[in-house]
């Protein structure tokens, strides 16, 4: 069983930055892949970025060059640094532990124009 808790969401103006955190507990291993997803109102939950145990990363085209995913295995914590935020980035952001398919409860990010 894996538990995930996101934090760091909030309201920010367009062009601003936020950093999301995802604290993991339970059966977590440093080799486990994890990811960030987001869901805007009335839309499906979409992949934002993933990070493998070796640190390799993958990003959705819409966030490439603006968002950075990272992890601190010693703290069992994953991060999402979001820069140059746009109103279309507004969504609930979820972290996911891929092996167990566990989700966090989500954190709201709202970007005003």
N, C-alpha and C. Protein backbone atom coordinates (compact mmCIF):
# COMPACT_ATOMS: atom_id res chain seq x y z
N UNK A 1 0.84 -1.19 0.00
CA UNK A 1 0.00 0.00 0.00
C UNK A 1 0.88 1.24 0.00
N UNK A 2 0.52 2.20 -0.83
CA UNK A 2 1.27 3.46 -0.95
C UNK A 2 0.31 4.61 -0.71
N UNK A 3 0.75 5.54 0.13
CA UNK A 3 -0.05 6.75 0.39
C UNK A 3 0.69 7.96 -0.18
N UNK A 4 -0.08 8.83 -0.82
CA UNK A 4 0.49 10.01 -1.46
C UNK A 4 -0.27 11.25 -1.01
N UNK A 5 0.48 12.30 -0.67
CA UNK A 5 -0.14 13.55 -0.23
C UNK A 5 0.50 14.70 -0.98
N UNK A 6 -0.31 15.41 -1.78
CA UNK A 6 0.17 16.56 -2.53
C UNK A 6 0.01 17.84 -1.71
N UNK A 7 0.85 18.81 -2.02
CA UNK A 7 0.74 20.14 -1.43
C UNK A 7 1.38 21.15 -2.37
N UNK A 8 1.12 22.43 -2.10
CA UNK A 8 1.77 23.48 -2.87
C UNK A 8 0.90 24.18 -3.88
N UNK A 9 -0.33 23.72 -4.06
CA UNK A 9 -1.20 24.39 -5.01
C UNK A 9 -1.63 25.76 -4.51
N UNK A 10 -2.31 26.50 -5.38
CA UNK A 10 -2.79 27.81 -4.98
C UNK A 10 -3.21 28.63 -6.17
N UNK A 11 -3.39 29.93 -5.92
CA UNK A 11 -3.79 30.88 -6.94
C UNK A 11 -2.58 31.72 -7.32
N UNK A 12 -2.32 31.83 -8.61
CA UNK A 12 -1.17 32.59 -9.09
C UNK A 12 -1.55 33.31 -10.37
N UNK A 13 -0.92 34.44 -10.62
CA UNK A 13 -1.17 35.15 -11.87
C UNK A 13 -0.41 34.51 -13.02
N UNK A 14 -0.91 34.72 -14.22
CA UNK A 14 -0.23 34.21 -15.40
C UNK A 14 1.20 34.72 -15.43
N UNK A 15 2.11 33.82 -15.78
CA UNK A 15 3.53 34.14 -15.78
C UNK A 15 4.24 33.81 -14.49
N UNK A 16 3.47 33.48 -13.47
CA UNK A 16 4.03 33.16 -12.17
C UNK A 16 4.50 31.73 -12.06
N UNK A 17 4.92 31.37 -10.84
CA UNK A 17 5.46 30.04 -10.59
C UNK A 17 4.85 29.43 -9.33
N UNK A 18 4.82 28.11 -9.32
CA UNK A 18 4.44 27.34 -8.14
C UNK A 18 5.29 26.08 -8.11
N UNK A 19 5.49 25.55 -6.90
CA UNK A 19 6.14 24.25 -6.78
C UNK A 19 5.23 23.32 -6.01
N UNK A 20 4.87 22.22 -6.63
CA UNK A 20 4.06 21.20 -5.99
C UNK A 20 4.96 20.13 -5.38
N UNK A 21 4.50 19.57 -4.28
CA UNK A 21 5.21 18.47 -3.63
C UNK A 21 4.27 17.28 -3.48
N UNK A 22 4.85 16.09 -3.52
CA UNK A 22 4.09 14.86 -3.31
C UNK A 22 4.90 14.00 -2.35
N UNK A 23 4.39 13.88 -1.13
CA UNK A 23 5.05 13.06 -0.11
C UNK A 23 4.48 11.65 -0.15
N UNK A 24 5.36 10.67 -0.27
CA UNK A 24 4.94 9.28 -0.38
C UNK A 24 5.32 8.50 0.88
N UNK A 25 4.47 7.56 1.23
CA UNK A 25 4.76 6.67 2.35
C UNK A 25 4.24 5.29 2.02
N UNK A 26 4.73 4.29 2.75
CA UNK A 26 4.33 2.91 2.49
C UNK A 26 5.42 2.18 1.73
N UNK A 27 5.00 1.25 0.86
CA UNK A 27 5.96 0.41 0.14
C UNK A 27 6.52 1.16 -1.07
N UNK A 28 7.45 2.07 -0.77
CA UNK A 28 8.07 2.89 -1.80
C UNK A 28 9.52 2.49 -1.99
N UNK A 29 9.95 2.38 -3.23
CA UNK A 29 11.33 2.07 -3.53
C UNK A 29 11.89 3.15 -4.45
N UNK A 30 13.17 3.42 -4.32
CA UNK A 30 13.78 4.49 -5.10
C UNK A 30 13.73 4.21 -6.60
N UNK A 31 13.53 2.95 -6.99
CA UNK A 31 13.47 2.63 -8.41
C UNK A 31 12.08 2.84 -9.00
N UNK A 32 11.11 3.13 -8.14
CA UNK A 32 9.73 3.24 -8.62
C UNK A 32 9.53 4.50 -9.44
N UNK A 33 8.81 4.34 -10.54
CA UNK A 33 8.44 5.50 -11.35
C UNK A 33 7.24 6.19 -10.73
N UNK A 34 7.21 7.51 -10.86
CA UNK A 34 6.10 8.30 -10.36
C UNK A 34 5.76 9.38 -11.38
N UNK A 35 4.58 9.97 -11.21
CA UNK A 35 4.17 10.96 -12.18
C UNK A 35 3.21 11.99 -11.62
N UNK A 36 3.09 13.07 -12.37
CA UNK A 36 2.11 14.12 -12.10
C UNK A 36 1.07 14.11 -13.22
N UNK A 37 -0.18 14.24 -12.84
CA UNK A 37 -1.29 14.31 -13.77
C UNK A 37 -2.14 15.52 -13.39
N UNK A 38 -2.99 15.97 -14.31
CA UNK A 38 -3.89 17.06 -13.99
C UNK A 38 -5.23 16.86 -14.65
N UNK A 39 -6.25 17.44 -14.01
CA UNK A 39 -7.61 17.33 -14.54
C UNK A 39 -8.29 18.68 -14.41
N UNK A 40 -8.62 19.25 -15.56
CA UNK A 40 -9.35 20.50 -15.60
C UNK A 40 -10.85 20.20 -15.56
N UNK A 41 -11.67 21.18 -15.15
CA UNK A 41 -13.12 20.95 -15.08
C UNK A 41 -13.69 20.48 -16.41
N UNK A 42 -14.44 19.38 -16.38
CA UNK A 42 -15.08 18.87 -17.57
C UNK A 42 -14.17 18.13 -18.52
N UNK A 43 -12.93 17.92 -18.11
CA UNK A 43 -11.96 17.24 -18.99
C UNK A 43 -11.42 15.98 -18.31
N UNK A 44 -10.76 15.15 -19.12
CA UNK A 44 -10.16 13.93 -18.60
C UNK A 44 -8.86 14.25 -17.85
N UNK A 45 -8.44 13.31 -17.02
CA UNK A 45 -7.17 13.45 -16.32
C UNK A 45 -6.05 13.13 -17.31
N UNK A 46 -5.10 14.06 -17.44
CA UNK A 46 -4.03 13.93 -18.43
C UNK A 46 -2.67 13.87 -17.76
N UNK A 47 -1.75 13.20 -18.42
CA UNK A 47 -0.38 13.13 -17.95
C UNK A 47 0.30 14.49 -18.09
N UNK A 48 1.04 14.88 -17.04
CA UNK A 48 1.85 16.10 -17.11
C UNK A 48 3.32 15.72 -17.26
N UNK A 49 3.80 14.85 -16.38
CA UNK A 49 5.21 14.46 -16.41
C UNK A 49 5.40 13.20 -15.60
N UNK A 50 6.43 12.43 -15.97
CA UNK A 50 6.80 11.26 -15.19
C UNK A 50 8.30 11.28 -14.93
N UNK A 51 8.68 10.57 -13.87
CA UNK A 51 10.11 10.44 -13.55
C UNK A 51 10.37 9.01 -13.12
N UNK A 52 11.38 8.41 -13.72
CA UNK A 52 11.72 7.03 -13.41
C UNK A 52 12.70 6.99 -12.24
N UNK A 53 12.97 5.77 -11.78
CA UNK A 53 13.89 5.61 -10.67
C UNK A 53 15.29 6.08 -10.98
N UNK A 54 15.67 6.01 -12.27
CA UNK A 54 17.01 6.48 -12.65
C UNK A 54 17.06 7.97 -12.91
N UNK A 55 15.92 8.64 -12.70
CA UNK A 55 15.87 10.08 -12.88
C UNK A 55 15.46 10.54 -14.27
N UNK A 56 15.28 9.62 -15.19
CA UNK A 56 14.86 10.01 -16.53
C UNK A 56 13.43 10.55 -16.48
N UNK A 57 13.15 11.52 -17.32
CA UNK A 57 11.88 12.23 -17.26
C UNK A 57 11.17 12.25 -18.60
N UNK A 58 9.87 12.49 -18.53
CA UNK A 58 9.03 12.59 -19.71
C UNK A 58 7.99 13.65 -19.44
N UNK A 59 7.72 14.50 -20.45
CA UNK A 59 6.80 15.62 -20.26
C UNK A 59 5.75 15.66 -21.37
N UNK A 60 4.58 16.13 -21.03
CA UNK A 60 3.59 16.46 -22.04
C UNK A 60 4.09 17.64 -22.84
N UNK A 61 3.76 17.67 -24.12
CA UNK A 61 4.24 18.76 -24.98
C UNK A 61 3.81 20.13 -24.45
N UNK A 62 2.65 20.19 -23.84
CA UNK A 62 2.10 21.47 -23.39
C UNK A 62 2.89 22.10 -22.25
N UNK A 63 3.72 21.31 -21.57
CA UNK A 63 4.46 21.86 -20.42
C UNK A 63 5.97 21.82 -20.62
N UNK A 64 6.44 21.25 -21.71
CA UNK A 64 7.88 21.17 -21.96
C UNK A 64 8.51 22.55 -21.94
N UNK A 65 9.63 22.67 -21.24
CA UNK A 65 10.34 23.93 -21.15
C UNK A 65 9.83 24.85 -20.06
N UNK A 66 8.68 24.51 -19.46
CA UNK A 66 8.11 25.34 -18.39
C UNK A 66 8.07 24.60 -17.06
N UNK A 67 7.80 23.31 -17.10
CA UNK A 67 7.68 22.51 -15.88
C UNK A 67 8.89 21.60 -15.73
N UNK A 68 9.27 21.34 -14.49
CA UNK A 68 10.37 20.41 -14.20
C UNK A 68 9.95 19.46 -13.09
N UNK A 69 10.03 18.17 -13.38
CA UNK A 69 9.73 17.15 -12.38
C UNK A 69 11.04 16.67 -11.75
N UNK A 70 11.01 16.43 -10.46
CA UNK A 70 12.21 15.95 -9.77
C UNK A 70 11.78 15.12 -8.56
N UNK A 71 12.76 14.47 -7.95
CA UNK A 71 12.44 13.65 -6.78
C UNK A 71 13.62 13.66 -5.82
N UNK A 72 13.30 13.49 -4.53
CA UNK A 72 14.29 13.33 -3.49
C UNK A 72 14.01 11.99 -2.84
N UNK A 73 14.76 10.97 -3.22
CA UNK A 73 14.48 9.62 -2.74
C UNK A 73 14.69 9.50 -1.24
N UNK A 74 15.61 10.27 -0.69
CA UNK A 74 15.87 10.21 0.75
C UNK A 74 14.65 10.68 1.53
N UNK A 75 13.86 11.57 0.92
CA UNK A 75 12.66 12.11 1.59
C UNK A 75 11.38 11.48 1.06
N UNK A 76 11.51 10.54 0.09
CA UNK A 76 10.32 9.96 -0.54
C UNK A 76 9.37 11.05 -1.03
N UNK A 77 9.92 12.04 -1.65
CA UNK A 77 9.12 13.18 -2.10
C UNK A 77 9.42 13.50 -3.57
N UNK A 78 8.36 13.79 -4.30
CA UNK A 78 8.47 14.18 -5.69
C UNK A 78 8.00 15.62 -5.81
N UNK A 79 8.56 16.35 -6.76
CA UNK A 79 8.24 17.76 -6.93
C UNK A 79 7.84 18.05 -8.38
N UNK A 80 7.11 19.14 -8.54
CA UNK A 80 6.82 19.67 -9.87
C UNK A 80 7.00 21.18 -9.80
N UNK A 81 8.08 21.67 -10.37
CA UNK A 81 8.32 23.11 -10.46
C UNK A 81 7.63 23.62 -11.72
N UNK A 82 6.70 24.55 -11.53
CA UNK A 82 5.93 25.08 -12.65
C UNK A 82 6.23 26.55 -12.83
N UNK A 83 6.81 26.90 -13.96
CA UNK A 83 7.15 28.28 -14.28
C UNK A 83 6.34 28.76 -15.48
N UNK A 84 6.31 30.06 -15.67
CA UNK A 84 5.59 30.65 -16.81
C UNK A 84 4.18 30.09 -16.92
N UNK A 85 3.49 30.07 -15.81
CA UNK A 85 2.15 29.47 -15.78
C UNK A 85 1.17 30.23 -16.64
N UNK A 86 0.25 29.47 -17.25
CA UNK A 86 -0.77 30.01 -18.14
C UNK A 86 -2.16 29.68 -17.57
N UNK A 87 -3.17 30.45 -17.92
CA UNK A 87 -4.52 30.13 -17.46
C UNK A 87 -4.94 28.70 -17.81
N UNK A 88 -4.48 28.19 -18.94
CA UNK A 88 -4.84 26.83 -19.34
C UNK A 88 -4.16 25.76 -18.48
N UNK A 89 -3.26 26.14 -17.60
CA UNK A 89 -2.68 25.19 -16.65
C UNK A 89 -3.58 24.98 -15.44
N UNK A 90 -4.65 25.76 -15.33
CA UNK A 90 -5.58 25.62 -14.21
C UNK A 90 -6.19 24.22 -14.20
N UNK A 91 -6.04 23.54 -13.06
CA UNK A 91 -6.53 22.16 -12.93
C UNK A 91 -6.27 21.68 -11.50
N UNK A 92 -6.81 20.53 -11.20
CA UNK A 92 -6.40 19.80 -10.00
C UNK A 92 -5.24 18.91 -10.40
N UNK A 93 -4.15 19.00 -9.67
CA UNK A 93 -2.95 18.24 -9.97
C UNK A 93 -2.84 17.07 -9.00
N UNK A 94 -2.59 15.90 -9.58
CA UNK A 94 -2.50 14.66 -8.81
C UNK A 94 -1.13 14.02 -9.00
N UNK A 95 -0.61 13.43 -7.95
CA UNK A 95 0.58 12.60 -8.14
C UNK A 95 0.16 11.14 -8.13
N UNK A 96 0.98 10.34 -8.77
CA UNK A 96 0.67 8.92 -8.90
C UNK A 96 1.93 8.10 -8.77
N UNK A 97 1.79 7.01 -8.03
CA UNK A 97 2.85 6.00 -7.92
C UNK A 97 2.49 4.92 -8.94
N UNK A 98 3.29 4.79 -9.98
CA UNK A 98 2.88 3.99 -11.13
C UNK A 98 2.77 2.50 -10.81
N UNK A 99 3.70 1.95 -10.06
CA UNK A 99 3.68 0.50 -9.83
C UNK A 99 2.41 0.08 -9.09
N UNK A 100 2.03 0.82 -8.04
CA UNK A 100 0.85 0.46 -7.26
C UNK A 100 -0.42 1.09 -7.80
N UNK A 101 -0.28 2.01 -8.77
CA UNK A 101 -1.41 2.74 -9.35
C UNK A 101 -2.13 3.58 -8.30
N UNK A 102 -1.43 4.00 -7.27
CA UNK A 102 -2.01 4.83 -6.21
C UNK A 102 -2.04 6.29 -6.64
N UNK A 103 -3.10 6.99 -6.18
CA UNK A 103 -3.26 8.41 -6.45
C UNK A 103 -3.26 9.19 -5.14
N UNK A 104 -2.81 10.43 -5.22
CA UNK A 104 -3.01 11.35 -4.11
C UNK A 104 -4.39 11.97 -4.20
N UNK A 105 -4.69 12.86 -3.25
CA UNK A 105 -6.02 13.47 -3.21
C UNK A 105 -6.14 14.67 -4.14
N UNK A 106 -5.03 15.17 -4.61
CA UNK A 106 -5.03 16.29 -5.54
C UNK A 106 -4.83 17.63 -4.86
N UNK A 107 -4.29 18.58 -5.60
CA UNK A 107 -4.12 19.94 -5.12
C UNK A 107 -4.51 20.89 -6.26
N UNK A 108 -5.29 21.91 -5.92
CA UNK A 108 -5.82 22.82 -6.92
C UNK A 108 -4.79 23.87 -7.31
N UNK A 109 -4.61 24.04 -8.61
CA UNK A 109 -3.79 25.12 -9.15
C UNK A 109 -4.69 26.00 -10.01
N UNK A 110 -4.74 27.27 -9.70
CA UNK A 110 -5.55 28.22 -10.46
C UNK A 110 -4.65 29.35 -10.94
N UNK A 111 -4.66 29.56 -12.25
CA UNK A 111 -3.83 30.61 -12.85
C UNK A 111 -4.77 31.67 -13.43
N UNK A 112 -4.67 32.88 -12.91
CA UNK A 112 -5.53 33.97 -13.38
C UNK A 112 -4.85 34.74 -14.50
N UNK A 113 -5.67 35.26 -15.39
CA UNK A 113 -5.12 35.99 -16.55
C UNK A 113 -4.97 37.48 -16.23
